[in-house]
Each structure stands twice: as C-alpha cells, then as structure tokens.
Amino acid sequence: MTDLTPTPNTPGLHVSKPSPSAPARGSAICHCGATATATGDAQVRALVEGYTANHGPAHHKEQGRS
C-alpha cells in the first residue's frame, strides 16, 4: 500500500480512522510551508476545515484559479 502522508514535496491532507471506535488522525502540509496535525474526530474536522479554507485549495483561489 502506498503511503499517502503529505510531505513538503507532496503537500496535502491525510485523514485516517482505522475503526469506528478509534479516534481520527489527520495531518496537513501546504506548499506555503504550513503544517498541522490533529487527533480526535472534532480536531480532525477542524483541521480539514482550516486547511480547506486557508491552504491547499484556498491558495489557488487567491491566485485566480478555481
């Protein structure tokens, strides 16, 4: 299986939840250099929302790309 964890060379967002009773885990790395990790369903949800609003796709919107 391929490791999908983001790195500075392959920025992005990775979320895992191995089972319904296990806490979610997430990590994000943006091409601008910002990084974040989270553990727990609510914290990972906030990480995803923050990354989506302020990094990754948001950088493309700022540059006039959709």
Protein backbone atom coordinates (compact mmCIF):
# COMPACT_ATOMS: atom_id res chain seq x y z
CA MET A 1 0.00 0.00 0.00
CA THR A 2 1.23 3.48 -0.84
CA ASP A 3 1.96 5.92 1.98
CA LEU A 4 -0.35 8.88 1.42
CA THR A 5 1.01 11.01 4.25
CA PRO A 6 1.69 14.53 2.97
CA THR A 7 5.28 15.76 2.80
CA PRO A 8 6.87 19.07 1.75
CA ASN A 9 7.41 17.52 -1.69
CA THR A 10 3.84 16.21 -1.89
CA PRO A 11 1.71 18.61 0.15
CA GLY A 12 -1.85 17.79 1.01
CA LEU A 13 -4.21 16.49 3.63
CA HIS A 14 -4.35 12.97 5.05
CA VAL A 15 -7.04 11.65 7.39
CA SER A 16 -7.34 8.15 8.82
CA LYS A 17 -9.78 6.42 11.13
CA PRO A 18 -8.91 2.74 11.43
CA SER A 19 -12.20 1.79 13.06
CA PRO A 20 -15.46 3.47 14.10
CA SER A 21 -14.39 3.44 17.74
CA ALA A 22 -10.86 4.74 17.14
CA PRO A 23 -10.11 8.46 17.11
CA ALA A 24 -9.49 10.04 13.74
CA ARG A 25 -5.98 11.27 12.97
CA GLY A 26 -5.07 13.89 10.43
CA SER A 27 -2.06 15.70 9.07
CA ALA A 28 -1.68 18.51 6.58
CA ILE A 29 1.23 20.15 4.84
CA CYS A 30 0.76 23.09 2.50
CA HIS A 31 3.12 24.16 -0.25
CA CYS A 32 3.43 27.50 1.62
CA GLY A 33 5.16 25.64 4.47
CA ALA A 34 2.30 25.46 6.98
CA THR A 35 1.91 22.13 8.78
CA ALA A 36 -0.63 20.75 11.23
CA THR A 37 -1.65 17.51 12.88
CA ALA A 38 -4.74 16.54 14.85
CA THR A 39 -6.08 13.60 16.81
CA GLY A 40 -9.75 13.13 17.62
CA ASP A 41 -12.80 13.44 15.42
CA ALA A 42 -13.62 17.07 16.23
CA GLN A 43 -10.00 18.19 16.00
CA VAL A 44 -9.51 16.45 12.65
CA ARG A 45 -12.73 18.00 11.34
CA ALA A 46 -11.37 21.43 12.35
CA LEU A 47 -8.03 20.64 10.69
CA VAL A 48 -9.77 19.74 7.42
CA GLU A 49 -11.95 22.85 7.53
CA GLY A 50 -8.99 25.10 8.32
CA TYR A 51 -6.79 23.58 5.63
CA THR A 52 -9.53 23.84 3.03
CA ALA A 53 -10.35 27.44 3.95
CA ASN A 54 -6.79 28.75 4.32
CA HIS A 55 -4.38 26.45 2.50
CA GLY A 56 -4.30 23.96 -0.34
CA PRO A 57 -7.34 24.83 -2.48
CA ALA A 58 -7.61 28.32 -0.96
CA HIS A 59 -4.21 29.33 -2.36
CA HIS A 60 -5.44 28.54 -5.87
CA LYS A 61 -8.50 30.76 -5.37
CA GLU A 62 -6.28 33.66 -4.25
CA GLN A 63 -4.28 33.31 -7.45
CA GLY A 64 -7.41 33.43 -9.59
CA ARG A 65 -7.59 29.68 -10.15
CA SER A 66 -10.57 27.57 -9.17
